[in-house]
Amino acid sequence: MSGGVTPAPPLDGPHSGIRLLLLLMFAATLPELPVAGLWLAGALALAWLHARSTSGARFYLNGLWRLRWLFFAIVVLHLWRGGGTPIWPTLPGLTDLGAEEALRRCGVLVALLGAVVALTRSTPPQWLAAGLMWCLAPLRRVGVPVQRFARRVALVFAAVDTARGEAGRLRGRGEGLETAAARMMLEAESGRFAGDAVWEIPPAGLPRARDYLLLTAACAAVLLVYAA
């Protein structure tokens, strides 16, 4: 690491720890949402990311593309689950219940990935680490190295985009996949991809009144979803 440490940029919007809690609460509601709601959430995440920057939308779409075989496995496992009304007589066992379950499980992944990308694209890695430390602070009393864990998470988030660009550059120079991967591992261990900024984790501070109101509203929404 170089000598100067870059301070973390100011964080606009909700408290970093509250953002993580909101993500967890959103993930908890996904199994109870209707199929249309799941896919709508994914579409809204894509629209929001595209409005902020096209790179964020591309990152989200690339993530979905990497999950294509998982989507395929979900469809294969659930499309012919049996029960319900047949939707294609030439393919016995293909029912509306199976199709709905496949769409639901794929929609959960689409919505969850959209929420995660939206969080990481709107929150700098240093503040993600600060929020994680705030959420896990009670575990310090039992000896859990919270700061070390949060710092490593910040390093991962900070290195993703840089590492992807470096991989494309190395492959563009004609280096094989194994050589490019080995070179990237060495550079990642040296901290080159992460940069200096992630090493200064700012204090998360205390949530403001509006942060608690937002969290309370989210809790109420989760209870309503499960009660419906």
C-alpha atoms as a PDB file:
ATOM      1  CA  MET A   1       0.000   0.000   0.000  1.00  0.00           C
ATOM      2  CA  SER A   2       1.154   3.519  -0.714  1.00  0.00           C
ATOM      3  CA  GLY A   3       1.761   6.097   1.975  1.00  0.00           C
ATOM      4  CA  GLY A   4      -1.306   8.317   1.740  1.00  0.00           C
ATOM      5  CA  VAL A   5      -4.672   6.944   2.672  1.00  0.00           C
ATOM      6  CA  THR A   6      -7.610   8.384   0.769  1.00  0.00           C
ATOM      7  CA  PRO A   7     -10.492   9.367   3.055  1.00  0.00           C
ATOM      8  CA  ALA A   8     -13.866   7.828   2.400  1.00  0.00           C
ATOM      9  CA  PRO A   9     -16.257   9.950   0.320  1.00  0.00           C
ATOM     10  CA  PRO A  10     -19.309  11.291   2.161  1.00  0.00           C
ATOM     11  CA  LEU A  11     -22.330   8.996   2.156  1.00  0.00           C
ATOM     12  CA  ASP A  12     -25.614  10.473   1.017  1.00  0.00           C
ATOM     13  CA  GLY A  13     -28.896   8.872   1.929  1.00  0.00           C
ATOM     14  CA  PRO A  14     -29.661   6.225   4.537  1.00  0.00           C
ATOM     15  CA  HIS A  15     -27.159   5.008   7.125  1.00  0.00           C
ATOM     16  CA  SER A  16     -24.836   2.311   5.783  1.00  0.00           C
ATOM     17  CA  GLY A  17     -25.900  -0.221   8.390  1.00  0.00           C
ATOM     18  CA  ILE A  18     -29.571   0.488   7.759  1.00  0.00           C
ATOM     19  CA  ARG A  19     -28.971  -0.177   4.056  1.00  0.00           C
ATOM     20  CA  LEU A  20     -27.678  -3.645   4.847  1.00  0.00           C
ATOM     21  CA  LEU A  21     -30.614  -4.357   7.137  1.00  0.00           C
ATOM     22  CA  LEU A  22     -33.029  -3.210   4.418  1.00  0.00           C
ATOM     23  CA  LEU A  23     -31.374  -5.613   1.990  1.00  0.00           C
ATOM     24  CA  LEU A  24     -31.806  -8.499   4.424  1.00  0.00           C
ATOM     25  CA  MET A  25     -35.436  -7.591   5.008  1.00  0.00           C
ATOM     26  CA  PHE A  26     -36.079  -7.360   1.274  1.00  0.00           C
ATOM     27  CA  ALA A  27     -34.516 -10.801   0.823  1.00  0.00           C
ATOM     28  CA  ALA A  28     -36.758 -12.150   3.590  1.00  0.00           C
ATOM     29  CA  THR A  29     -39.894 -10.995   1.756  1.00  0.00           C
ATOM     30  CA  LEU A  30     -38.983 -12.499  -1.620  1.00  0.00           C
ATOM     31  CA  PRO A  31     -40.442 -15.996  -0.994  1.00  0.00           C
ATOM     32  CA  GLU A  32     -43.804 -14.408  -0.167  1.00  0.00           C
ATOM     33  CA  LEU A  33     -44.028 -12.024  -3.126  1.00  0.00           C
ATOM     34  CA  PRO A  34     -46.120 -12.918  -6.194  1.00  0.00           C
ATOM     35  CA  VAL A  35     -44.298 -13.981  -9.336  1.00  0.00           C
ATOM     36  CA  ALA A  36     -45.125 -10.737 -11.109  1.00  0.00           C
ATOM     37  CA  GLY A  37     -43.789  -8.749  -8.149  1.00  0.00           C
ATOM     38  CA  LEU A  38     -40.464 -10.582  -8.229  1.00  0.00           C
ATOM     39  CA  TRP A  39     -39.864  -9.894 -11.907  1.00  0.00           C
ATOM     40  CA  LEU A  40     -41.104  -6.324 -11.509  1.00  0.00           C
ATOM     41  CA  ALA A  41     -38.537  -5.802  -8.753  1.00  0.00           C
ATOM     42  CA  GLY A  42     -35.804  -7.034 -11.089  1.00  0.00           C
ATOM     43  CA  ALA A  43     -37.016  -4.721 -13.854  1.00  0.00           C
ATOM     44  CA  LEU A  44     -37.112  -1.745 -11.486  1.00  0.00           C
ATOM     45  CA  ALA A  45     -33.571  -2.510 -10.326  1.00  0.00           C
ATOM     46  CA  LEU A  46     -32.400  -2.606 -13.941  1.00  0.00           C
ATOM     47  CA  ALA A  47     -34.141   0.695 -14.729  1.00  0.00           C
ATOM     48  CA  TRP A  48     -32.684   2.355 -11.625  1.00  0.00           C
ATOM     49  CA  LEU A  49     -29.170   1.123 -12.410  1.00  0.00           C
ATOM     50  CA  HIS A  50     -29.448   2.267 -16.022  1.00  0.00           C
ATOM     51  CA  ALA A  51     -30.611   5.707 -14.887  1.00  0.00           C
ATOM     52  CA  ARG A  52     -27.513   6.036 -12.699  1.00  0.00           C
ATOM     53  CA  SER A  53     -25.013   4.594 -15.174  1.00  0.00           C
ATOM     54  CA  THR A  54     -25.022   2.166 -18.060  1.00  0.00           C
ATOM     55  CA  SER A  55     -22.092   0.310 -16.499  1.00  0.00           C
ATOM     56  CA  GLY A  56     -24.219  -0.622 -13.498  1.00  0.00           C
ATOM     57  CA  ALA A  57     -26.969  -1.978 -15.733  1.00  0.00           C
ATOM     58  CA  ARG A  58     -24.432  -3.967 -17.743  1.00  0.00           C
ATOM     59  CA  PHE A  59     -22.959  -5.361 -14.533  1.00  0.00           C
ATOM     60  CA  TYR A  60     -26.419  -6.533 -13.466  1.00  0.00           C
ATOM     61  CA  LEU A  61     -27.163  -8.105 -16.849  1.00  0.00           C
ATOM     62  CA  ASN A  62     -23.766  -9.810 -16.887  1.00  0.00           C
ATOM     63  CA  GLY A  63     -24.538 -11.232 -13.461  1.00  0.00           C
ATOM     64  CA  LEU A  64     -27.815 -12.639 -14.736  1.00  0.00           C
ATOM     65  CA  TRP A  65     -26.019 -14.143 -17.714  1.00  0.00           C
ATOM     66  CA  ARG A  66     -23.549 -15.887 -15.410  1.00  0.00           C
ATOM     67  CA  LEU A  67     -26.500 -17.460 -13.617  1.00  0.00           C
ATOM     68  CA  ARG A  68     -27.965 -18.863 -16.837  1.00  0.00           C
ATOM     69  CA  TRP A  69     -27.125 -22.478 -16.017  1.00  0.00           C
ATOM     70  CA  LEU A  70     -28.620 -22.106 -12.562  1.00  0.00           C
ATOM     71  CA  PHE A  71     -31.798 -20.747 -14.155  1.00  0.00           C
ATOM     72  CA  PHE A  72     -31.786 -23.672 -16.560  1.00  0.00           C
ATOM     73  CA  ALA A  73     -31.404 -26.160 -13.691  1.00  0.00           C
ATOM     74  CA  ILE A  74     -34.293 -24.523 -11.802  1.00  0.00           C
ATOM     75  CA  VAL A  75     -36.533 -24.757 -14.848  1.00  0.00           C
ATOM     76  CA  VAL A  76     -35.640 -28.403 -15.447  1.00  0.00           C
ATOM     77  CA  LEU A  77     -36.200 -29.340 -11.802  1.00  0.00           C
ATOM     78  CA  HIS A  78     -39.524 -27.567 -11.314  1.00  0.00           C
ATOM     79  CA  LEU A  79     -41.200 -27.338 -14.692  1.00  0.00           C
ATOM     80  CA  TRP A  80     -42.267 -30.990 -14.592  1.00  0.00           C
ATOM     81  CA  ARG A  81     -43.032 -31.134 -10.880  1.00  0.00           C
ATOM     82  CA  GLY A  82     -46.480 -32.627 -11.490  1.00  0.00           C
ATOM     83  CA  GLY A  83     -49.907 -31.503 -10.395  1.00  0.00           C
ATOM     84  CA  GLY A  84     -51.942 -28.714 -11.849  1.00  0.00           C
ATOM     85  CA  THR A  85     -53.342 -28.312 -15.329  1.00  0.00           C
ATOM     86  CA  PRO A  86     -51.299 -29.488 -18.342  1.00  0.00           C
ATOM     87  CA  ILE A  87     -50.287 -26.546 -20.533  1.00  0.00           C
ATOM     88  CA  TRP A  88     -48.871 -28.501 -23.484  1.00  0.00           C
ATOM     89  CA  PRO A  89     -50.495 -31.853 -24.313  1.00  0.00           C
ATOM     90  CA  THR A  90     -47.516 -33.046 -26.379  1.00  0.00           C
ATOM     91  CA  LEU A  91     -45.270 -32.802 -23.305  1.00  0.00           C
ATOM     92  CA  PRO A  92     -46.864 -34.813 -20.500  1.00  0.00           C
ATOM     93  CA  GLY A  93     -46.151 -33.529 -17.023  1.00  0.00           C
ATOM     94  CA  LEU A  94     -45.700 -29.919 -18.097  1.00  0.00           C
ATOM     95  CA  THR A  95     -48.203 -28.119 -15.855  1.00  0.00           C
ATOM     96  CA  ASP A  96     -49.110 -24.587 -14.873  1.00  0.00           C
ATOM     97  CA  LEU A  97     -48.025 -25.192 -11.272  1.00  0.00           C
ATOM     98  CA  GLY A  98     -44.596 -26.331 -12.392  1.00  0.00           C
ATOM     99  CA  ALA A  99     -44.182 -23.321 -14.675  1.00  0.00           C
ATOM    100  CA  GLU A 100     -45.256 -20.951 -11.906  1.00  0.00           C
ATOM    101  CA  GLU A 101     -42.802 -22.477  -9.437  1.00  0.00           C
ATOM    102  CA  ALA A 102     -39.940 -22.249 -11.950  1.00  0.00           C
ATOM    103  CA  LEU A 103     -40.773 -18.601 -12.656  1.00  0.00           C
ATOM    104  CA  ARG A 104     -41.001 -17.887  -8.932  1.00  0.00           C
ATOM    105  CA  ARG A 105     -37.622 -19.356  -8.065  1.00  0.00           C
ATOM    106  CA  CYS A 106     -35.918 -17.665 -11.013  1.00  0.00           C
ATOM    107  CA  GLY A 107     -37.643 -14.405 -10.071  1.00  0.00           C
ATOM    108  CA  VAL A 108     -36.264 -14.601  -6.543  1.00  0.00           C
ATOM    109  CA  LEU A 109     -32.732 -14.751  -7.924  1.00  0.00           C
ATOM    110  CA  VAL A 110     -33.403 -11.919 -10.377  1.00  0.00           C
ATOM    111  CA  ALA A 111     -34.837  -9.630  -7.688  1.00  0.00           C
ATOM    112  CA  LEU A 112     -32.174 -10.477  -5.112  1.00  0.00           C
ATOM    113  CA  LEU A 113     -29.305  -9.912  -7.521  1.00  0.00           C
ATOM    114  CA  GLY A 114     -30.841  -6.591  -8.536  1.00  0.00           C
ATOM    115  CA  ALA A 115     -31.036  -5.473  -4.914  1.00  0.00           C
ATOM    116  CA  VAL A 116     -27.454  -6.503  -4.194  1.00  0.00           C
ATOM    117  CA  VAL A 117     -26.105  -4.737  -7.281  1.00  0.00           C
ATOM    118  CA  ALA A 118     -28.120  -1.626  -6.448  1.00  0.00           C
ATOM    119  CA  LEU A 119     -26.642  -1.613  -2.948  1.00  0.00           C
ATOM    120  CA  THR A 120     -23.046  -2.125  -4.026  1.00  0.00           C
ATOM    121  CA  ARG A 121     -23.354   0.442  -6.829  1.00  0.00           C
ATOM    122  CA  SER A 122     -24.781   3.121  -4.555  1.00  0.00           C
ATOM    123  CA  THR A 123     -22.598   2.499  -1.497  1.00  0.00           C
ATOM    124  CA  PRO A 124     -18.776   2.841  -1.608  1.00  0.00           C
ATOM    125  CA  PRO A 125     -16.850  -0.202  -0.316  1.00  0.00           C
ATOM    126  CA  GLN A 126     -15.597   1.693   2.737  1.00  0.00           C
ATOM    127  CA  TRP A 127     -19.132   2.461   3.818  1.00  0.00           C
ATOM    128  CA  LEU A 128     -20.249  -1.110   3.171  1.00  0.00           C
ATOM    129  CA  ALA A 129     -17.528  -2.220   5.552  1.00  0.00           C
ATOM    130  CA  ALA A 130     -18.568   0.438   8.074  1.00  0.00           C
ATOM    131  CA  GLY A 131     -22.189  -0.670   7.869  1.00  0.00           C
ATOM    132  CA  LEU A 132     -21.195  -4.295   8.280  1.00  0.00           C
ATOM    133  CA  MET A 133     -19.147  -3.448  11.366  1.00  0.00           C
ATOM    134  CA  TRP A 134     -22.127  -1.547  12.774  1.00  0.00           C
ATOM    135  CA  CYS A 135     -24.469  -4.490  12.212  1.00  0.00           C
ATOM    136  CA  LEU A 136     -22.035  -7.049  13.646  1.00  0.00           C
ATOM    137  CA  ALA A 137     -20.788  -4.916  16.549  1.00  0.00           C
ATOM    138  CA  PRO A 138     -22.485  -7.108  19.221  1.00  0.00           C
ATOM    139  CA  LEU A 139     -20.361 -10.065  18.087  1.00  0.00           C
ATOM    140  CA  ARG A 140     -17.207  -8.331  19.302  1.00  0.00           C
ATOM    141  CA  ARG A 141     -18.157  -9.289  22.835  1.00  0.00           C
ATOM    142  CA  VAL A 142     -17.703 -12.966  21.975  1.00  0.00           C
ATOM    143  CA  GLY A 143     -14.363 -12.433  20.257  1.00  0.00           C
ATOM    144  CA  VAL A 144     -15.411 -12.258  16.596  1.00  0.00           C
ATOM    145  CA  PRO A 145     -12.888 -10.170  14.562  1.00  0.00           C
ATOM    146  CA  VAL A 146     -15.552  -7.936  13.066  1.00  0.00           C
ATOM    147  CA  GLN A 147     -13.207  -5.273  11.695  1.00  0.00           C
ATOM    148  CA  ARG A 148     -10.991  -7.782   9.905  1.00  0.00           C
ATOM    149  CA  PHE A 149     -13.982  -9.467   8.322  1.00  0.00           C
ATOM    150  CA  ALA A 150     -15.496  -6.133   7.245  1.00  0.00           C
ATOM    151  CA  ARG A 151     -12.186  -4.994   5.757  1.00  0.00           C
ATOM    152  CA  ARG A 152     -11.929  -8.141   3.647  1.00  0.00           C
ATOM    153  CA  VAL A 153     -15.479  -7.694   2.407  1.00  0.00           C
ATOM    154  CA  ALA A 154     -14.619  -4.123   1.418  1.00  0.00           C
ATOM    155  CA  LEU A 155     -11.551  -5.347  -0.448  1.00  0.00           C
ATOM    156  CA  VAL A 156     -13.655  -7.813  -2.406  1.00  0.00           C
ATOM    157  CA  PHE A 157     -16.187  -5.205  -3.467  1.00  0.00           C
ATOM    158  CA  ALA A 158     -13.496  -2.687  -4.355  1.00  0.00           C
ATOM    159  CA  ALA A 159     -11.567  -5.189  -6.456  1.00  0.00           C
ATOM    160  CA  VAL A 160     -14.396  -6.642  -8.540  1.00  0.00           C
ATOM    161  CA  ASP A 161     -14.645  -4.022 -11.273  1.00  0.00           C
ATOM    162  CA  THR A 162     -10.898  -3.446 -11.500  1.00  0.00           C
ATOM    163  CA  ALA A 163     -10.203  -7.158 -11.685  1.00  0.00           C
ATOM    164  CA  ARG A 164     -12.778  -7.668 -14.431  1.00  0.00           C
ATOM    165  CA  GLY A 165     -11.224  -4.894 -16.509  1.00  0.00           C
ATOM    166  CA  GLU A 166      -7.738  -6.267 -15.928  1.00  0.00           C
ATOM    167  CA  ALA A 167      -8.848  -9.749 -16.969  1.00  0.00           C
ATOM    168  CA  GLY A 168     -10.215  -8.374 -20.228  1.00  0.00           C
ATOM    169  CA  ARG A 169      -6.976  -6.503 -20.879  1.00  0.00           C
ATOM    170  CA  LEU A 170      -4.816  -9.569 -20.270  1.00  0.00           C
ATOM    171  CA  ARG A 171      -6.993 -11.754 -22.465  1.00  0.00           C
ATOM    172  CA  GLY A 172      -6.920  -9.048 -25.140  1.00  0.00           C
ATOM    173  CA  ARG A 173      -3.123  -9.270 -25.172  1.00  0.00           C
ATOM    174  CA  GLY A 174      -3.427 -12.926 -26.077  1.00  0.00           C
ATOM    175  CA  GLU A 175      -2.539 -14.425 -22.692  1.00  0.00           C
ATOM    176  CA  GLY A 176      -4.134 -17.740 -21.896  1.00  0.00           C
ATOM    177  CA  LEU A 177      -6.801 -18.108 -19.238  1.00  0.00           C
ATOM    178  CA  GLU A 178      -4.457 -19.862 -16.808  1.00  0.00           C
ATOM    179  CA  THR A 179      -1.699 -17.253 -17.222  1.00  0.00           C
ATOM    180  CA  ALA A 180      -4.123 -14.354 -16.844  1.00  0.00           C
ATOM    181  CA  ALA A 181      -5.682 -15.915 -13.735  1.00  0.00           C
ATOM    182  CA  ALA A 182      -2.274 -16.529 -12.136  1.00  0.00           C
ATOM    183  CA  ARG A 183      -1.150 -12.967 -12.829  1.00  0.00           C
ATOM    184  CA  MET A 184      -4.359 -11.560 -11.402  1.00  0.00           C
ATOM    185  CA  MET A 185      -4.011 -13.650  -8.246  1.00  0.00           C
ATOM    186  CA  LEU A 186      -0.540 -12.232  -7.628  1.00  0.00           C
ATOM    187  CA  GLU A 187      -1.714  -8.673  -8.206  1.00  0.00           C
ATOM    188  CA  ALA A 188      -4.786  -9.179  -6.014  1.00  0.00           C
ATOM    189  CA  GLU A 189      -2.634 -10.451  -3.145  1.00  0.00           C
ATOM    190  CA  SER A 190      -0.477  -7.342  -3.436  1.00  0.00           C
ATOM    191  CA  GLY A 191      -3.603  -5.211  -3.028  1.00  0.00           C
ATOM    192  CA  ARG A 192      -3.286  -3.561  -6.423  1.00  0.00           C
ATOM    193  CA  PHE A 193      -6.919  -4.050  -7.402  1.00  0.00           C
ATOM    194  CA  ALA A 194      -8.346  -2.693  -4.178  1.00  0.00           C
ATOM    195  CA  GLY A 195      -6.444   0.561  -3.896  1.00  0.00           C
ATOM    196  CA  ASP A 196      -5.764   2.571  -0.744  1.00  0.00           C
ATOM    197  CA  ALA A 197      -9.236   3.912  -0.097  1.00  0.00           C
ATOM    198  CA  VAL A 198     -10.671   0.722   1.327  1.00  0.00           C
ATOM    199  CA  TRP A 199      -8.103   0.612   4.084  1.00  0.00           C
ATOM    200  CA  GLU A 200      -9.718   3.553   5.838  1.00  0.00           C
ATOM    201  CA  ILE A 201     -13.056   2.384   7.159  1.00  0.00           C
ATOM    202  CA  PRO A 202     -14.985   5.415   8.419  1.00  0.00           C
ATOM    203  CA  PRO A 203     -17.039   5.233  11.609  1.00  0.00           C
ATOM    204  CA  ALA A 204     -20.604   4.383  10.713  1.00  0.00           C
ATOM    205  CA  GLY A 205     -21.972   6.714  13.364  1.00  0.00           C
ATOM    206  CA  LEU A 206     -25.512   6.558  14.672  1.00  0.00           C
ATOM    207  CA  PRO A 207     -28.536   6.325  12.390  1.00  0.00           C
ATOM    208  CA  ARG A 208     -30.658   9.436  12.115  1.00  0.00           C
ATOM    209  CA  ALA A 209     -34.338   9.638  12.980  1.00  0.00           C
ATOM    210  CA  ARG A 210     -35.352   9.241   9.338  1.00  0.00           C
ATOM    211  CA  ASP A 211     -33.208   6.106   9.107  1.00  0.00           C
ATOM    212  CA  TYR A 212     -35.134   4.554  11.976  1.00  0.00           C
ATOM    213  CA  LEU A 213     -38.406   5.619  10.359  1.00  0.00           C
ATOM    214  CA  LEU A 214     -37.333   3.948   7.124  1.00  0.00           C
ATOM    215  CA  LEU A 215     -36.392   0.780   8.989  1.00  0.00           C
ATOM    216  CA  THR A 216     -39.701   0.801  10.879  1.00  0.00           C
ATOM    217  CA  ALA A 217     -41.634   1.192   7.626  1.00  0.00           C
ATOM    218  CA  ALA A 218     -39.699  -1.684   6.111  1.00  0.00           C
ATOM    219  CA  CYS A 219     -40.459  -3.889   9.141  1.00  0.00           C
ATOM    220  CA  ALA A 220     -44.136  -3.054   8.809  1.00  0.00           C
ATOM    221  CA  ALA A 221     -44.040  -3.909   5.108  1.00  0.00           C
ATOM    222  CA  VAL A 222     -42.441  -7.291   5.840  1.00  0.00           C
ATOM    223  CA  LEU A 223     -45.114  -8.079   8.442  1.00  0.00           C
ATOM    224  CA  LEU A 224     -47.865  -7.106   6.004  1.00  0.00           C
ATOM    225  CA  VAL A 225     -46.393  -9.319   3.283  1.00  0.00           C
ATOM    226  CA  TYR A 226     -46.284 -12.334   5.595  1.00  0.00           C
ATOM    227  CA  ALA A 227     -49.715 -11.590   7.030  1.00  0.00           C
ATOM    228  CA  ALA A 228     -51.362 -11.320   3.610  1.00  0.00           C
END
